[in-house]
Protein backbone atom coordinates (compact mmCIF):
# COMPACT_ATOMS: atom_id res chain seq x y z
CA UNK A 1 71.88 46.30 31.41
CA UNK A 2 69.82 44.96 28.54
CA UNK A 3 71.79 42.84 26.08
CA UNK A 4 70.20 40.91 23.21
CA UNK A 5 73.34 39.16 21.93
CA UNK A 6 76.63 39.01 23.78
CA UNK A 7 79.56 38.12 21.53
CA UNK A 8 82.81 37.53 23.38
CA UNK A 9 86.23 36.02 23.03
CA UNK A 10 87.85 34.04 25.83
CA UNK A 11 91.33 33.14 27.01
CA UNK A 12 90.48 29.49 27.55
CA UNK A 13 87.77 26.86 27.57
CA UNK A 14 87.77 23.71 29.65
CA UNK A 15 85.21 21.07 30.56
CA UNK A 16 85.63 21.73 34.31
CA UNK A 17 86.50 25.45 34.42
CA UNK A 18 84.26 26.57 31.55
CA UNK A 19 85.16 29.76 29.68
CA UNK A 20 87.96 31.61 31.45
CA UNK A 21 90.19 34.67 31.48
CA UNK A 22 93.34 35.63 33.42
CA UNK A 23 91.93 39.12 33.99
CA UNK A 24 89.78 39.42 37.14
CA UNK A 25 88.13 42.70 36.11
CA UNK A 26 87.27 41.30 32.68
CA UNK A 27 85.81 38.17 34.29
CA UNK A 28 83.57 40.21 36.59
CA UNK A 29 82.33 42.40 33.72
CA UNK A 30 81.74 39.43 31.43
CA UNK A 31 79.87 37.50 34.12
CA UNK A 32 77.53 40.48 34.54
CA UNK A 33 76.99 40.63 30.77
CA UNK A 34 76.36 36.87 30.54
CA UNK A 35 73.78 37.16 33.33
CA UNK A 36 71.82 39.86 31.49
CA UNK A 37 72.19 38.71 27.88
CA UNK A 38 69.31 36.99 26.13
CA UNK A 39 71.81 34.98 24.07
CA UNK A 40 75.54 34.40 24.50
CA UNK A 41 77.99 33.56 21.71
CA UNK A 42 81.67 32.76 22.24
CA UNK A 43 84.31 32.84 19.52
CA UNK A 44 87.38 30.75 20.35
CA UNK A 45 89.79 28.84 18.12
CA UNK A 46 90.97 25.31 18.91
CA UNK A 47 94.08 26.54 20.75
CA UNK A 48 91.83 27.73 23.60
CA UNK A 49 90.62 24.19 24.42
CA UNK A 50 92.15 22.89 27.65
CA UNK A 51 93.43 26.34 28.63
CA UNK A 52 92.33 27.48 32.09
CA UNK A 53 92.60 31.14 33.02
CA UNK A 54 92.56 32.50 36.56
CA UNK A 55 88.82 33.22 36.65
CA UNK A 56 85.72 31.61 35.15
CA UNK A 57 83.39 33.74 33.03
CA UNK A 58 80.72 31.12 32.34
CA UNK A 59 80.14 27.38 32.37
CA UNK A 60 80.08 25.65 28.98
CA UNK A 61 76.31 25.13 29.22
CA UNK A 62 75.66 28.87 29.72
CA UNK A 63 76.59 29.59 26.10
CA UNK A 64 74.05 29.47 23.29
CA UNK A 65 76.54 29.40 20.41
CA UNK A 66 80.23 28.55 20.29
CA UNK A 67 82.10 29.36 17.10
CA UNK A 68 85.44 27.60 16.69
CA UNK A 69 87.53 26.15 13.89
CA UNK A 70 87.84 22.71 12.35
CA UNK A 71 91.16 22.14 14.15
CA UNK A 72 89.21 21.27 17.27
CA UNK A 73 89.96 17.67 18.31
CA UNK A 74 87.11 15.11 18.05
CA UNK A 75 86.84 14.65 21.85
CA UNK A 76 86.61 18.42 22.34
CA UNK A 77 84.00 18.65 19.58
CA UNK A 78 81.84 16.01 21.25
CA UNK A 79 82.11 17.64 24.65
CA UNK A 80 81.35 21.12 23.35
CA UNK A 81 78.54 19.87 21.13
CA UNK A 82 76.92 18.23 24.18
CA UNK A 83 77.46 21.17 26.56
CA UNK A 84 76.98 24.30 24.46
CA UNK A 85 73.68 25.19 22.85
CA UNK A 86 75.18 25.01 19.37
CA UNK A 87 78.70 24.37 18.09
CA UNK A 88 79.63 26.04 14.80
CA UNK A 89 82.92 25.13 13.12
CA UNK A 90 84.13 27.77 10.70
């Protein structure tokens, strides 16, 4: 696979578990895409913070851009801003 930009949604995002999903097949596919993508962007609203799905897709620091909303709590913003390549609040 050759992927320039991977844009994906996630079930949850957590400082320990990273970006997660409850679907094992989806997790396996997304991990393969993350591994081949030149850049990875995740779109996840504030309700996803602290949610841990069954399987990890990627660690927080494997993502180049995270797009979320301004409802994200200050502690979560700081953590994501430090871990992700770039945090964009829309």
